[in-house]
Amino acid sequence: MTKKDLKTGMLVQVGKGGVYMYINGVLVDSTGHLVMNNYDESLIRMTINHKWDIVKVSKVITGCYLSPSFWTERKLNENLLWERDQTPEYTMDEAIAKMGHEFKIKK
């Protein structure tokens, strides 16, 4: 999924859990908005804090579901189109730091 794949009416979820409606290049919820200019093509927020990265995208929502009261994680999951792979990737040095000690990988 890339920025150009987003269409008005899709629900998106960011890493911190908020659900937004994508409308003409802006992510909107009942309290504010996020501008897509702050996202790269792979839907990663171009800041140090990645809790705003887009992690899920729904199919286009229509009808009464265009009301913000229906912009929920449940509605997004019922219409899920794409989900970011959340499997962490580490270099060997990062893995050692996470484990707190060196280790060997079994085959």
C-alpha atoms as a PDB file:
ATOM      1  CA  MET A   1       0.000   0.000   0.000  1.00  0.00           C
ATOM      2  CA  THR A   2       1.312   3.422  -0.941  1.00  0.00           C
ATOM      3  CA  LYS A   3       0.063   6.991  -0.611  1.00  0.00           C
ATOM      4  CA  LYS A   4      -1.191   6.983  -4.195  1.00  0.00           C
ATOM      5  CA  ASP A   5      -3.394   3.940  -3.405  1.00  0.00           C
ATOM      6  CA  LEU A   6      -5.399   5.857  -0.777  1.00  0.00           C
ATOM      7  CA  LYS A   7      -8.884   6.932  -1.843  1.00  0.00           C
ATOM      8  CA  THR A   8     -11.374   9.289  -0.251  1.00  0.00           C
ATOM      9  CA  GLY A   9     -13.610   7.261   2.070  1.00  0.00           C
ATOM     10  CA  MET A  10     -10.977   4.821   3.317  1.00  0.00           C
ATOM     11  CA  LEU A  11     -10.465   4.421   7.061  1.00  0.00           C
ATOM     12  CA  VAL A  12      -6.863   4.348   8.256  1.00  0.00           C
ATOM     13  CA  GLN A  13      -5.407   3.460  11.636  1.00  0.00           C
ATOM     14  CA  VAL A  14      -2.188   4.929  12.947  1.00  0.00           C
ATOM     15  CA  GLY A  15       0.232   3.122  15.238  1.00  0.00           C
ATOM     16  CA  LYS A  16      -1.034   4.827  18.385  1.00  0.00           C
ATOM     17  CA  GLY A  17      -4.496   3.414  17.674  1.00  0.00           C
ATOM     18  CA  GLY A  18      -6.448   6.369  16.280  1.00  0.00           C
ATOM     19  CA  VAL A  19      -8.792   5.787  13.323  1.00  0.00           C
ATOM     20  CA  TYR A  20      -9.139   8.479  10.656  1.00  0.00           C
ATOM     21  CA  MET A  21     -11.041   8.928   7.392  1.00  0.00           C
ATOM     22  CA  TYR A  22      -8.890   9.713   4.340  1.00  0.00           C
ATOM     23  CA  ILE A  23     -10.451  12.691   2.528  1.00  0.00           C
ATOM     24  CA  ASN A  24      -8.646  14.346  -0.397  1.00  0.00           C
ATOM     25  CA  GLY A  25      -5.125  14.015   0.988  1.00  0.00           C
ATOM     26  CA  VAL A  26      -5.990  14.631   4.645  1.00  0.00           C
ATOM     27  CA  LEU A  27      -6.632  12.198   7.517  1.00  0.00           C
ATOM     28  CA  VAL A  28      -9.640  13.480   9.470  1.00  0.00           C
ATOM     29  CA  ASP A  29     -11.163  12.433  12.788  1.00  0.00           C
ATOM     30  CA  SER A  30     -13.769  14.077  15.012  1.00  0.00           C
ATOM     31  CA  THR A  31     -11.166  16.239  16.773  1.00  0.00           C
ATOM     32  CA  GLY A  32      -8.711  17.250  14.050  1.00  0.00           C
ATOM     33  CA  HIS A  33      -6.643  16.148  11.098  1.00  0.00           C
ATOM     34  CA  LEU A  34      -3.252  14.904   9.903  1.00  0.00           C
ATOM     35  CA  VAL A  35      -1.790  16.189   6.633  1.00  0.00           C
ATOM     36  CA  MET A  36      -0.469  13.537   4.246  1.00  0.00           C
ATOM     37  CA  ASN A  37       2.457  15.801   3.253  1.00  0.00           C
ATOM     38  CA  ASN A  38       4.060  14.524   6.473  1.00  0.00           C
ATOM     39  CA  TYR A  39       4.015  10.902   5.198  1.00  0.00           C
ATOM     40  CA  ASP A  40       6.358   9.193   2.757  1.00  0.00           C
ATOM     41  CA  GLU A  41       5.106   6.955  -0.064  1.00  0.00           C
ATOM     42  CA  SER A  42       5.080   3.860   2.197  1.00  0.00           C
ATOM     43  CA  LEU A  43       2.734   5.613   4.690  1.00  0.00           C
ATOM     44  CA  ILE A  44       5.469   6.196   7.270  1.00  0.00           C
ATOM     45  CA  ARG A  45       5.273   9.506   9.138  1.00  0.00           C
ATOM     46  CA  MET A  46       8.469  11.450   8.456  1.00  0.00           C
ATOM     47  CA  THR A  47       9.204  12.218  12.112  1.00  0.00           C
ATOM     48  CA  ILE A  48      11.176  10.524  14.857  1.00  0.00           C
ATOM     49  CA  ASN A  49       7.959   9.357  16.553  1.00  0.00           C
ATOM     50  CA  HIS A  50       6.491   6.477  14.553  1.00  0.00           C
ATOM     51  CA  LYS A  51       3.290   6.160  16.601  1.00  0.00           C
ATOM     52  CA  TRP A  52       1.650   8.117  13.751  1.00  0.00           C
ATOM     53  CA  ASP A  53       2.687   5.665  10.985  1.00  0.00           C
ATOM     54  CA  ILE A  54      -0.298   4.235   9.108  1.00  0.00           C
ATOM     55  CA  VAL A  55      -0.653   0.570  10.055  1.00  0.00           C
ATOM     56  CA  LYS A  56      -4.073  -0.387   8.611  1.00  0.00           C
ATOM     57  CA  VAL A  57      -6.254   0.743   5.695  1.00  0.00           C
ATOM     58  CA  SER A  58      -9.864  -0.209   4.956  1.00  0.00           C
ATOM     59  CA  LYS A  59     -11.807  -0.459   1.725  1.00  0.00           C
ATOM     60  CA  VAL A  60     -13.804   2.674   0.822  1.00  0.00           C
ATOM     61  CA  ILE A  61     -16.654   3.214   3.303  1.00  0.00           C
ATOM     62  CA  THR A  62     -19.971   4.620   1.996  1.00  0.00           C
ATOM     63  CA  GLY A  63     -23.471   5.576   3.104  1.00  0.00           C
ATOM     64  CA  CYS A  64     -24.273   6.188   6.753  1.00  0.00           C
ATOM     65  CA  TYR A  65     -20.780   4.957   7.690  1.00  0.00           C
ATOM     66  CA  LEU A  66     -19.367   8.296   6.515  1.00  0.00           C
ATOM     67  CA  SER A  67     -20.391   9.728   9.897  1.00  0.00           C
ATOM     68  CA  PRO A  68     -17.406  10.027  12.289  1.00  0.00           C
ATOM     69  CA  SER A  69     -19.271   7.991  14.924  1.00  0.00           C
ATOM     70  CA  PHE A  70     -18.699   4.930  12.676  1.00  0.00           C
ATOM     71  CA  TRP A  71     -14.957   5.545  12.200  1.00  0.00           C
ATOM     72  CA  THR A  72     -13.939   2.813  14.604  1.00  0.00           C
ATOM     73  CA  GLU A  73     -11.299   0.106  14.708  1.00  0.00           C
ATOM     74  CA  ARG A  74     -14.108  -2.448  14.469  1.00  0.00           C
ATOM     75  CA  LYS A  75     -15.496  -0.903  11.255  1.00  0.00           C
ATOM     76  CA  LEU A  76     -11.969  -0.664   9.834  1.00  0.00           C
ATOM     77  CA  ASN A  77     -11.254  -4.329  10.633  1.00  0.00           C
ATOM     78  CA  GLU A  78     -14.592  -5.428   9.087  1.00  0.00           C
ATOM     79  CA  ASN A  79     -13.467  -3.774   5.837  1.00  0.00           C
ATOM     80  CA  LEU A  80      -9.701  -4.333   6.134  1.00  0.00           C
ATOM     81  CA  LEU A  81      -7.829  -3.952   2.860  1.00  0.00           C
ATOM     82  CA  TRP A  82      -4.192  -3.720   4.054  1.00  0.00           C
ATOM     83  CA  GLU A  83      -2.195  -4.147   7.261  1.00  0.00           C
ATOM     84  CA  ARG A  84       1.469  -3.295   7.810  1.00  0.00           C
ATOM     85  CA  ASP A  85       3.731  -6.206   8.754  1.00  0.00           C
ATOM     86  CA  GLN A  86       4.638  -5.396  12.364  1.00  0.00           C
ATOM     87  CA  THR A  87       7.435  -7.982  12.635  1.00  0.00           C
ATOM     88  CA  PRO A  88      10.429  -6.104  14.079  1.00  0.00           C
ATOM     89  CA  GLU A  89      13.731  -6.223  12.214  1.00  0.00           C
ATOM     90  CA  TYR A  90      17.063  -5.889  14.002  1.00  0.00           C
ATOM     91  CA  THR A  91      20.723  -5.862  13.119  1.00  0.00           C
ATOM     92  CA  MET A  92      22.818  -8.359  15.089  1.00  0.00           C
ATOM     93  CA  ASP A  93      24.084  -5.549  17.351  1.00  0.00           C
ATOM     94  CA  GLU A  94      20.505  -4.386  18.024  1.00  0.00           C
ATOM     95  CA  ALA A  95      19.413  -7.969  18.795  1.00  0.00           C
ATOM     96  CA  ILE A  96      22.309  -8.401  21.248  1.00  0.00           C
ATOM     97  CA  ALA A  97      21.374  -5.122  22.927  1.00  0.00           C
ATOM     98  CA  LYS A  98      17.731  -6.281  23.234  1.00  0.00           C
ATOM     99  CA  MET A  99      18.737  -9.664  24.671  1.00  0.00           C
ATOM    100  CA  GLY A 100      21.281  -8.147  27.024  1.00  0.00           C
ATOM    101  CA  HIS A 101      23.916 -10.726  26.076  1.00  0.00           C
ATOM    102  CA  GLU A 102      25.464 -12.399  23.054  1.00  0.00           C
ATOM    103  CA  PHE A 103      23.818 -15.488  21.618  1.00  0.00           C
ATOM    104  CA  LYS A 104      24.034 -18.064  18.828  1.00  0.00           C
ATOM    105  CA  ILE A 105      21.318 -18.806  16.319  1.00  0.00           C
ATOM    106  CA  LYS A 106      20.437 -22.494  15.892  1.00  0.00           C
ATOM    107  CA  LYS A 107      19.814 -23.973  12.463  1.00  0.00           C
END
